Amino acid sequence: MNTIARAVTAGSLALALAACSAGEPGTPAPAATPLGSAAPPSSAAAGATVPALASTTVRPLGGTAAAPFDEARRLQAPPGWTVTVWARLPGARLLAWAPDGQLLVSRPKSGDVIALLPGGDDAAPAQQTLLSGLNQPHGLAFAGDTLYVAESDRVDAFTYRAGAVSGRRVVIDGLPDAKSPELGGAYAHALKSVAVGADGALYVSVGSTGNVSAEDRDADPQRAAILRAAPGGGKPTVFARGVRNGTGLAVDPDGAVWTAVNNRDNIAYPYEGDEQGEVRQGYVNDHPLEPLARLTRGRDLGWPYCNPDPDVNPGRPDSPLSYTRRPFVRDVQTNPDGRKLDCAALPPVEQGMGAHSAPLGLSFATSPGLAGGYGPGALVGVHGSWNRRPPRAPEVSFFAWRDGALGAQQTLLTGFQQANGSRWGRPVMAVQGPDRALYVSDDLAGAVYRVTAPGS
């Protein structure tokens, strides 16, 4: 009975879990007591002392107060910080700042990219449709005046000038999606993300077709992988594999590529004992962790044969959990004897988040970084679980960047989930603006928030 103690908060629930993580934006969370995904900020994690979060009322600007903001909403944010409903955009997903100071927002379900032109501090931005008629556009990235847009089946490049685009060209083609003949319409993670490396190379996240679909590792092009194409595009090659759904994709201040991964669901207890091989809610709730990993050419993040393990004392029900430099453990269902992949040979994961956090957008706030003592670091939109009992709460997370490494997760913005487990919002991505304010997309509330520190 190794894991029963870990299941106290989950009761006797034993619900089947499907493919996690990104989920449909409108999927209601089950009624349950919420569970946060990170410790409060601390000097150990941040490299500077930052105070605990405080409650703040979300302030709609003129014309942004439709539901769910037709009633007062409160969030936990750094003390004195202001959270404003800056724009309303149904299905708002990933974000990118254009060279001329407009904020671009992708909307896969609408097939478009919207440009938001900031106005005054108390004015909602002007909106225009920059691109339309696209195939589930998701990832956005700039290299000078070139805009890259990741559709579900390809990556396009456009010339961006004065708030307009021209010269559309396909730079990576033939990416798998639900229309790929060999998949027969079954693709759980069709949305793609894109980043431009320090050398101008293009990096594209290609998610797995399902929760456990080992054939993805042998597909051409490979799925559950981060692909790399030369500057200017072309046929991509595998840069990193075993990445179940690396929706978060960004380049750090030193030029390395990082991914935030939606990891697998419904794993069985891997350690010796009566419960080995059984799928128990109490173990599933906290395993495996969601990786935040620095990628190098040829790196393998293990899926679906090896799972990053947050247990400090593996196999013990009272083991504390850790998410920094965590090793891998064999998946007892897919790799019981270790012949599929040697998990002990995989480098540990640099950082991580609680199981079923569903990290989506990833960005870096560079020097001087966020106000309030936070400084430079990574920002992650945590979408929150739809299948955990109790559900993992959505939040915006911060990982301090110090001496070329990321510190532990800190909750920067939370409160989207109510006491009964229902939600009124689910953040997708957070980016720092030219004004050092934080801009956060929310695909459930259909909003973009502007979060400002005192005096900014």
Protein backbone atom coordinates (compact mmCIF):
# COMPACT_ATOMS: atom_id res chain seq x y z
CA MET A 1 0.00 0.00 0.00
CA ASN A 2 2.75 2.41 -0.96
CA THR A 3 0.70 5.24 -2.41
CA ILE A 4 -2.50 5.28 -0.36
CA ALA A 5 -1.21 8.02 1.94
CA ARG A 6 -0.62 10.21 -1.09
CA ALA A 7 -4.27 9.82 -2.10
CA VAL A 8 -5.88 11.37 0.99
CA THR A 9 -6.93 14.57 -0.75
CA ALA A 10 -8.19 12.63 -3.74
CA GLY A 11 -10.50 10.39 -1.69
CA SER A 12 -11.46 7.18 -3.38
CA LEU A 13 -11.79 8.65 -6.87
CA ALA A 14 -10.41 6.43 -9.60
CA LEU A 15 -11.45 8.13 -12.80
CA ALA A 16 -9.96 7.24 -16.15
CA LEU A 17 -7.64 9.95 -17.44
CA ALA A 18 -7.40 10.81 -21.11
CA ALA A 19 -4.77 12.84 -22.93
CA CYS A 20 -3.87 15.76 -20.64
CA SER A 21 -2.95 19.05 -20.59
CA ALA A 22 -3.88 21.61 -23.16
CA GLY A 23 -7.48 20.43 -23.12
CA GLU A 24 -10.31 22.28 -24.76
CA PRO A 25 -10.46 25.87 -23.49
CA GLY A 26 -14.09 25.57 -22.46
CA THR A 27 -13.81 22.23 -20.67
CA PRO A 28 -15.26 22.67 -17.17
CA ALA A 29 -13.12 21.62 -14.26
CA PRO A 30 -14.58 19.00 -11.92
CA ALA A 31 -15.91 20.15 -8.58
CA ALA A 32 -13.13 19.67 -6.07
CA THR A 33 -10.89 21.56 -3.72
CA PRO A 34 -8.25 23.41 -5.75
CA LEU A 35 -4.60 22.65 -5.32
CA GLY A 36 -1.95 25.21 -6.24
CA SER A 37 1.04 24.26 -8.31
CA ALA A 38 3.86 26.23 -6.78
CA ALA A 39 5.32 27.59 -3.62
CA PRO A 40 5.14 31.31 -2.94
CA PRO A 41 8.09 33.45 -4.03
CA SER A 42 11.16 33.17 -1.84
CA SER A 43 14.66 34.55 -1.77
CA ALA A 44 16.04 31.07 -2.37
CA ALA A 45 14.09 30.69 -5.58
CA ALA A 46 14.35 34.19 -6.93
CA GLY A 47 17.74 35.45 -5.92
CA ALA A 48 15.97 38.42 -4.31
CA THR A 49 13.39 38.69 -1.55
CA VAL A 50 9.89 39.20 -2.95
CA PRO A 51 6.77 39.35 -0.77
CA ALA A 52 3.88 36.90 -0.74
CA LEU A 53 1.01 37.47 -3.15
CA ALA A 54 -1.95 39.66 -2.22
CA SER A 55 -5.56 39.75 -3.38
CA THR A 56 -6.42 42.31 -6.06
CA THR A 57 -9.60 43.07 -7.96
CA VAL A 58 -9.43 42.60 -11.73
CA ARG A 59 -10.28 45.97 -13.32
CA PRO A 60 -12.07 45.95 -16.70
CA LEU A 61 -11.39 48.83 -19.06
CA GLY A 62 -14.22 50.47 -20.95
CA GLY A 63 -15.86 47.97 -23.27
CA THR A 64 -14.24 44.88 -21.66
CA ALA A 65 -16.71 44.15 -18.85
CA ALA A 66 -18.79 41.41 -20.50
CA ALA A 67 -18.90 37.99 -18.81
CA PRO A 68 -17.00 36.73 -16.93
CA PHE A 69 -16.13 40.28 -15.90
CA ASP A 70 -19.75 41.31 -15.41
CA GLU A 71 -19.09 40.45 -11.79
CA ALA A 72 -16.11 41.23 -9.60
CA ARG A 73 -13.16 38.90 -10.14
CA ARG A 74 -10.20 38.71 -7.81
CA LEU A 75 -6.71 37.36 -8.37
CA GLN A 76 -3.62 36.86 -6.24
CA ALA A 77 -0.75 39.00 -7.56
CA PRO A 78 2.39 40.65 -6.17
CA PRO A 79 1.40 43.31 -3.59
CA GLY A 80 0.39 46.59 -5.19
CA TRP A 81 0.29 45.16 -8.72
CA THR A 82 -2.75 46.00 -10.85
CA VAL A 83 -4.53 43.52 -13.12
CA THR A 84 -6.56 45.09 -15.93
CA VAL A 85 -8.77 43.46 -18.54
CA TRP A 86 -6.95 45.14 -21.41
CA ALA A 87 -8.63 43.49 -24.41
CA ARG A 88 -11.36 40.96 -25.16
CA LEU A 89 -10.45 38.29 -27.70
CA PRO A 90 -12.30 34.94 -27.73
CA GLY A 91 -9.84 32.06 -27.95
CA ALA A 92 -6.71 34.17 -27.36
CA ARG A 93 -3.67 31.88 -27.31
CA LEU A 94 -0.01 32.69 -27.98
CA LEU A 95 1.51 36.18 -28.03
CA ALA A 96 4.37 38.02 -29.74
CA TRP A 97 5.41 41.67 -29.76
CA ALA A 98 5.90 43.13 -33.23
CA PRO A 99 8.82 45.51 -33.92
CA ASP A 100 6.41 48.47 -34.09
CA GLY A 101 4.99 47.84 -30.60
CA GLN A 102 1.81 45.98 -31.53
CA LEU A 103 0.92 42.80 -29.65
CA LEU A 104 0.02 39.89 -31.91
CA VAL A 105 -2.38 37.20 -30.67
CA SER A 106 -2.99 33.85 -32.34
CA ARG A 107 -6.43 32.27 -32.40
CA PRO A 108 -6.34 28.69 -33.70
CA LYS A 109 -10.09 28.13 -33.62
CA SER A 110 -10.77 31.32 -35.57
CA GLY A 111 -7.89 30.72 -37.99
CA ASP A 112 -6.53 34.23 -37.54
CA VAL A 113 -3.91 36.46 -35.94
CA ILE A 114 -5.08 39.69 -34.31
CA ALA A 115 -2.93 42.79 -33.83
CA LEU A 116 -3.52 44.94 -30.74
CA LEU A 117 -2.30 48.53 -30.89
CA PRO A 118 -1.81 49.91 -27.35
CA GLY A 119 -3.56 53.17 -26.49
CA GLY A 120 -3.39 55.07 -23.22
CA ASP A 121 -3.17 53.41 -19.81
CA ASP A 122 -6.94 53.49 -19.37
CA ALA A 123 -7.91 52.70 -22.96
CA ALA A 124 -8.44 49.33 -24.54
CA PRO A 125 -6.16 48.76 -27.55
CA ALA A 126 -7.35 49.09 -31.13
CA GLN A 127 -7.78 45.71 -32.83
CA GLN A 128 -7.24 44.64 -36.40
CA THR A 129 -7.13 41.26 -38.12
CA LEU A 130 -3.58 40.87 -39.36
CA LEU A 131 -4.01 37.39 -40.90
CA SER A 132 -7.06 35.22 -41.52
CA GLY A 133 -7.99 31.97 -43.24
CA LEU A 134 -5.11 30.07 -41.65
CA ASN A 135 -5.04 26.43 -40.54
CA GLN A 136 -5.05 26.56 -36.73
CA PRO A 137 -2.37 29.26 -36.37
CA HIS A 138 -0.66 29.01 -33.00
CA GLY A 139 3.02 29.84 -32.55
CA LEU A 140 4.30 33.32 -33.43
CA ALA A 141 7.91 34.50 -33.63
CA PHE A 142 9.83 37.44 -35.06
CA ALA A 143 13.31 37.71 -36.55
CA GLY A 144 13.74 41.37 -37.42
CA ASP A 145 10.88 42.26 -39.75
CA THR A 146 10.09 38.61 -40.56
CA LEU A 147 7.06 37.13 -38.83
CA TYR A 148 6.86 33.34 -38.52
CA VAL A 149 3.46 31.74 -37.96
CA ALA A 150 3.11 28.05 -37.08
CA GLU A 151 0.00 26.53 -38.61
CA SER A 152 -0.94 22.96 -37.76
CA ASP A 153 0.62 21.61 -40.97
CA ARG A 154 3.38 24.10 -41.79
CA VAL A 155 5.28 27.25 -40.85
CA ASP A 156 4.79 30.44 -42.88
CA ALA A 157 6.99 33.53 -43.08
CA PHE A 158 5.74 37.05 -43.79
CA THR A 159 7.39 40.42 -44.15
CA TYR A 160 6.00 42.70 -41.43
CA ARG A 161 6.08 46.46 -41.88
CA ALA A 162 3.95 49.28 -40.45
CA GLY A 163 1.31 46.95 -39.03
CA ALA A 164 0.82 44.99 -42.27
CA VAL A 165 2.17 41.71 -43.67
CA SER A 166 3.17 40.73 -47.19
CA GLY A 167 5.12 38.15 -49.14
CA ARG A 168 3.73 34.99 -47.59
CA ARG A 169 6.03 32.02 -48.12
CA VAL A 170 6.03 28.48 -46.72
CA VAL A 171 9.33 27.81 -44.96
CA ILE A 172 8.53 24.42 -43.38
CA ASP A 173 5.92 22.18 -44.97
CA GLY A 174 4.41 18.74 -44.45
CA LEU A 175 3.99 18.86 -40.68
CA PRO A 176 1.56 16.25 -39.34
CA ASP A 177 -1.93 17.20 -38.25
CA ALA A 178 -5.40 15.67 -38.15
CA LYS A 179 -5.58 15.76 -41.96
CA SER A 180 -2.46 13.63 -42.41
CA PRO A 181 -3.62 10.47 -44.23
CA GLU A 182 -1.74 8.08 -41.95
CA LEU A 183 -3.42 9.50 -38.83
CA GLY A 184 -7.00 9.19 -39.99
CA GLY A 185 -8.13 12.37 -38.27
CA ALA A 186 -6.84 11.34 -34.83
CA TYR A 187 -4.40 13.93 -33.48
CA ALA A 188 -4.66 15.12 -29.89
CA HIS A 189 -1.92 17.78 -30.10
CA ALA A 190 -2.07 19.30 -33.57
CA LEU A 191 -1.17 22.88 -32.54
CA LYS A 192 2.43 23.86 -33.26
CA SER A 193 4.75 26.43 -31.68
CA VAL A 194 7.74 28.11 -33.28
CA ALA A 195 10.87 29.88 -32.05
CA VAL A 196 13.83 31.49 -33.80
CA GLY A 197 17.20 30.44 -32.44
CA ALA A 198 20.17 32.70 -31.83
CA ASP A 199 21.61 31.46 -35.13
CA GLY A 200 18.41 32.17 -37.04
CA ALA A 201 17.38 28.51 -37.19
CA LEU A 202 13.70 27.67 -36.79
CA TYR A 203 12.50 25.38 -34.01
CA VAL A 204 9.03 23.84 -34.17
CA SER A 205 7.21 21.78 -31.55
CA VAL A 206 5.36 18.77 -32.94
CA GLY A 207 3.14 17.14 -30.33
CA SER A 208 2.28 13.49 -29.94
CA THR A 209 -0.83 12.05 -31.53
CA GLY A 210 -2.08 10.79 -28.18
CA ASN A 211 -1.30 10.08 -24.56
CA VAL A 212 0.81 7.00 -25.30
CA SER A 213 1.58 6.58 -29.01
CA ALA A 214 5.09 5.18 -29.27
CA GLU A 215 4.86 5.06 -33.06
CA ASP A 216 5.34 8.84 -33.02
CA ARG A 217 9.05 8.28 -32.32
CA ASP A 218 9.47 6.48 -35.65
CA ALA A 219 7.23 8.68 -37.80
CA ASP A 220 8.50 10.83 -40.66
CA PRO A 221 8.43 13.65 -39.82
CA GLN A 222 8.89 12.59 -36.24
CA ARG A 223 6.15 13.52 -33.80
CA ALA A 224 6.53 14.16 -30.05
CA ALA A 225 9.64 16.11 -30.98
CA ILE A 226 11.20 19.51 -31.44
CA LEU A 227 12.25 19.91 -35.06
CA ARG A 228 14.93 22.27 -36.37
CA ALA A 229 15.19 23.84 -39.81
CA ALA A 230 18.04 25.94 -41.16
CA PRO A 231 17.67 29.73 -41.24
CA GLY A 232 15.20 30.56 -43.96
CA GLY A 233 13.48 27.18 -43.64
CA GLY A 234 13.69 23.86 -45.46
CA LYS A 235 13.27 20.23 -44.49
CA PRO A 236 13.48 20.01 -40.70
CA THR A 237 15.49 17.49 -38.71
CA VAL A 238 14.91 16.18 -35.20
CA PHE A 239 16.55 18.39 -32.59
CA ALA A 240 15.03 16.76 -29.47
CA ARG A 241 12.70 13.78 -29.11
CA GLY A 242 10.48 12.14 -26.53
CA VAL A 243 8.76 15.52 -26.02
CA ARG A 244 5.11 14.57 -25.61
CA ASN A 245 3.69 18.04 -26.22
CA GLY A 246 6.24 20.83 -25.95
CA THR A 247 3.81 23.68 -26.56
CA GLY A 248 6.00 26.08 -24.59
CA LEU A 249 8.99 26.95 -26.79
CA ALA A 250 11.36 29.88 -26.30
CA VAL A 251 15.00 30.96 -26.46
CA ASP A 252 16.79 32.01 -23.27
CA PRO A 253 19.05 35.08 -22.93
CA ASP A 254 22.11 32.94 -23.67
CA GLY A 255 20.62 31.53 -26.89
CA ALA A 256 19.54 28.04 -25.72
CA VAL A 257 16.14 26.65 -26.66
CA TRP A 258 13.78 25.63 -23.86
CA THR A 259 10.49 23.77 -23.87
CA ALA A 260 7.68 23.46 -21.34
CA VAL A 261 6.04 20.07 -21.76
CA ASN A 262 2.56 18.69 -21.23
CA ASN A 263 3.50 15.23 -20.02
CA ARG A 264 1.54 11.97 -20.09
CA ASP A 265 -1.44 10.85 -18.01
CA ASN A 266 -2.57 7.78 -16.18
CA ILE A 267 0.85 6.28 -15.46
CA ALA A 268 1.05 3.17 -13.32
CA TYR A 269 2.94 2.97 -10.03
CA PRO A 270 6.50 1.93 -11.07
CA TYR A 271 8.08 0.73 -7.83
CA GLU A 272 8.18 -2.74 -6.29
CA GLY A 273 5.30 -3.67 -4.02
CA ASP A 274 1.65 -4.65 -4.10
CA GLU A 275 0.71 -1.65 -6.21
CA GLN A 276 3.35 -1.97 -8.91
CA GLY A 277 1.72 -1.71 -12.33
CA GLU A 278 -1.56 -0.35 -10.95
CA VAL A 279 -3.01 3.00 -11.98
CA ARG A 280 -3.94 4.76 -8.74
CA GLN A 281 -5.36 8.26 -8.56
CA GLY A 282 -3.15 9.14 -5.62
CA TYR A 283 0.00 8.46 -7.64
CA VAL A 284 -1.31 9.85 -10.92
CA ASN A 285 -2.15 13.16 -9.22
CA ASP A 286 1.53 14.07 -8.80
CA HIS A 287 3.30 12.01 -11.48
CA PRO A 288 5.01 12.57 -13.80
CA LEU A 289 6.14 16.16 -13.41
CA GLU A 290 5.76 18.62 -16.30
CA PRO A 291 9.30 19.37 -17.57
CA LEU A 292 10.81 22.78 -18.23
CA ALA A 293 13.92 21.67 -20.07
CA ARG A 294 16.90 23.17 -21.88
CA LEU A 295 17.28 21.43 -25.21
CA THR A 296 20.45 20.35 -26.94
CA ARG A 297 20.77 18.52 -30.23
CA GLY A 298 19.85 14.86 -29.72
CA ARG A 299 18.33 15.28 -26.25
CA ASP A 300 15.64 12.76 -25.32
CA LEU A 301 12.97 13.68 -22.75
CA GLY A 302 11.94 10.07 -22.44
CA TRP A 303 8.29 9.91 -23.46
CA PRO A 304 6.64 7.42 -23.43
CA TYR A 305 9.28 5.11 -21.96
CA CYS A 306 10.74 7.20 -19.14
CA ASN A 307 9.02 9.63 -16.77
CA PRO A 308 10.69 12.48 -14.84
CA ASP A 309 10.15 11.68 -11.18
CA PRO A 310 9.47 14.36 -8.53
CA ASP A 311 9.87 11.91 -5.60
CA VAL A 312 12.90 12.70 -3.46
CA ASN A 313 12.58 9.25 -1.83
CA PRO A 314 11.22 7.04 -4.61
CA GLY A 315 8.86 4.29 -3.51
CA ARG A 316 7.95 5.87 -0.19
CA PRO A 317 4.42 7.22 0.34
CA ASP A 318 5.66 10.13 2.45
CA SER A 319 8.31 11.25 -0.03
CA PRO A 320 8.56 15.03 -0.47
CA LEU A 321 8.31 16.33 -4.02
CA SER A 322 10.99 18.30 -5.84
CA TYR A 323 11.01 19.77 -9.34
CA THR A 324 14.65 20.79 -9.79
CA ARG A 325 17.12 18.53 -11.63
CA ARG A 326 14.90 15.49 -11.45
CA PRO A 327 15.92 12.07 -12.84
CA PHE A 328 13.82 9.67 -14.88
CA VAL A 329 12.18 6.42 -13.84
CA ARG A 330 11.12 3.58 -16.16
CA ASP A 331 7.51 3.55 -17.25
CA VAL A 332 6.31 0.17 -15.96
CA GLN A 333 3.63 -0.05 -18.66
CA THR A 334 5.69 0.80 -21.75
CA ASN A 335 9.28 0.04 -20.68
CA PRO A 336 9.14 -2.46 -17.79
CA ASP A 337 12.58 -4.00 -18.36
CA GLY A 338 14.31 -0.85 -19.60
CA ARG A 339 15.01 -2.28 -23.05
CA LYS A 340 13.10 0.42 -24.90
CA LEU A 341 15.18 3.23 -23.37
CA ASP A 342 17.78 3.46 -20.61
CA CYS A 343 16.13 5.99 -18.29
CA ALA A 344 19.14 6.24 -15.99
CA ALA A 345 21.22 7.52 -18.92
CA LEU A 346 18.95 10.50 -19.59
CA PRO A 347 20.15 13.86 -18.22
CA PRO A 348 17.94 15.12 -15.38
CA VAL A 349 15.27 17.70 -16.14
CA GLU A 350 16.44 21.20 -15.23
CA GLN A 351 13.12 22.42 -13.82
CA GLY A 352 9.52 21.31 -13.68
CA MET A 353 6.00 21.83 -12.47
CA GLY A 354 3.41 19.66 -10.75
CA ALA A 355 1.80 16.89 -12.75
CA HIS A 356 -1.01 17.98 -15.08
CA SER A 357 -0.14 21.67 -14.76
CA ALA A 358 -0.53 21.92 -18.56
CA PRO A 359 2.14 24.56 -19.30
CA LEU A 360 1.44 26.30 -22.60
CA GLY A 361 3.08 29.60 -23.57
CA LEU A 362 6.73 30.12 -22.57
CA SER A 363 8.66 33.39 -22.80
CA PHE A 364 11.69 35.06 -21.23
CA ALA A 365 11.66 38.46 -19.56
CA THR A 366 15.19 39.71 -20.10
CA SER A 367 17.24 42.23 -18.13
CA PRO A 368 16.19 44.15 -16.14
CA GLY A 369 13.22 41.77 -16.05
CA LEU A 370 10.11 42.04 -13.94
CA ALA A 371 9.70 44.77 -11.33
CA GLY A 372 9.22 44.09 -7.64
CA GLY A 373 12.47 42.22 -7.11
CA TYR A 374 11.74 39.45 -9.60
CA GLY A 375 14.27 40.45 -12.28
CA PRO A 376 14.85 38.42 -15.44
CA GLY A 377 13.30 34.99 -15.81
CA ALA A 378 10.96 32.65 -17.65
CA LEU A 379 7.21 33.15 -17.72
CA VAL A 380 4.92 30.17 -18.16
CA GLY A 381 1.17 30.14 -18.72
CA VAL A 382 -0.14 27.22 -16.66
CA HIS A 383 -3.47 26.22 -18.17
CA GLY A 384 -4.44 23.91 -15.30
CA SER A 385 -5.56 20.30 -15.38
CA TRP A 386 -8.89 19.04 -16.61
CA ASN A 387 -8.32 15.50 -15.41
CA ARG A 388 -6.64 15.74 -12.00
CA ARG A 389 -8.53 15.14 -8.75
CA PRO A 390 -8.41 17.72 -7.22
CA PRO A 391 -7.67 19.88 -10.29
CA ARG A 392 -4.38 21.71 -10.64
CA ALA A 393 -5.19 25.42 -10.62
CA PRO A 394 -4.32 27.68 -13.58
CA GLU A 395 -1.70 30.36 -12.95
CA VAL A 396 1.11 32.42 -14.42
CA SER A 397 4.43 31.07 -13.16
CA PHE A 398 7.84 32.71 -12.96
CA PHE A 399 11.26 31.01 -12.92
CA ALA A 400 14.09 33.38 -12.04
CA TRP A 401 17.05 33.47 -14.47
CA ARG A 402 20.33 33.61 -12.59
CA ASP A 403 23.83 32.74 -13.83
CA GLY A 404 22.56 30.91 -16.89
CA ALA A 405 20.02 28.72 -15.10
CA LEU A 406 16.38 28.82 -14.06
CA GLY A 407 15.35 28.79 -10.42
CA ALA A 408 12.34 27.01 -8.99
CA GLN A 409 8.75 27.81 -9.91
CA GLN A 410 7.06 30.79 -8.28
CA THR A 411 3.39 31.63 -8.60
CA LEU A 412 3.05 35.12 -10.04
CA LEU A 413 -0.68 35.30 -10.78
CA THR A 414 -3.41 32.93 -9.59
CA GLY A 415 -7.05 32.82 -8.51
CA PHE A 416 -8.71 31.78 -11.78
CA GLN A 417 -10.06 28.65 -10.11
CA GLN A 418 -12.82 28.84 -7.53
CA ALA A 419 -13.23 26.83 -4.34
CA ASN A 420 -15.52 24.28 -6.00
CA GLY A 421 -12.98 23.63 -8.77
CA SER A 422 -14.79 25.61 -11.45
CA ARG A 423 -12.88 28.27 -13.37
CA TRP A 424 -13.64 31.61 -14.92
CA GLY A 425 -10.25 31.94 -16.63
CA ARG A 426 -7.28 29.91 -17.89
CA PRO A 427 -4.05 31.77 -18.73
CA VAL A 428 -2.21 30.59 -21.82
CA MET A 429 0.85 32.82 -22.19
CA ALA A 430 2.51 35.77 -20.48
CA VAL A 431 4.96 38.15 -22.14
CA GLN A 432 6.66 41.28 -20.90
CA GLY A 433 5.79 44.38 -22.90
CA PRO A 434 8.03 47.25 -24.02
CA ASP A 435 6.55 49.15 -21.05
CA ARG A 436 7.70 46.35 -18.66
CA ALA A 437 4.07 45.51 -17.92
CA LEU A 438 3.03 41.87 -18.15
CA TYR A 439 0.51 40.87 -20.83
CA VAL A 440 -1.38 37.61 -20.31
CA SER A 441 -3.70 35.79 -22.74
CA ASP A 442 -6.67 33.80 -21.43
CA ASP A 443 -8.54 31.56 -23.88
CA LEU A 444 -11.38 30.67 -21.48
CA ALA A 445 -12.26 34.23 -20.44
CA GLY A 446 -11.44 35.46 -23.94
CA ALA A 447 -9.18 38.19 -22.66
CA VAL A 448 -5.72 39.72 -22.59
CA TYR A 449 -4.73 41.16 -19.19
CA ARG A 450 -2.24 43.93 -18.52
CA VAL A 451 -0.46 43.47 -15.19
CA THR A 452 1.51 46.42 -13.85
CA ALA A 453 3.74 47.00 -10.85
CA PRO A 454 3.48 50.11 -8.64
CA GLY A 455 5.05 53.11 -10.30
CA SER A 456 5.32 51.52 -13.73
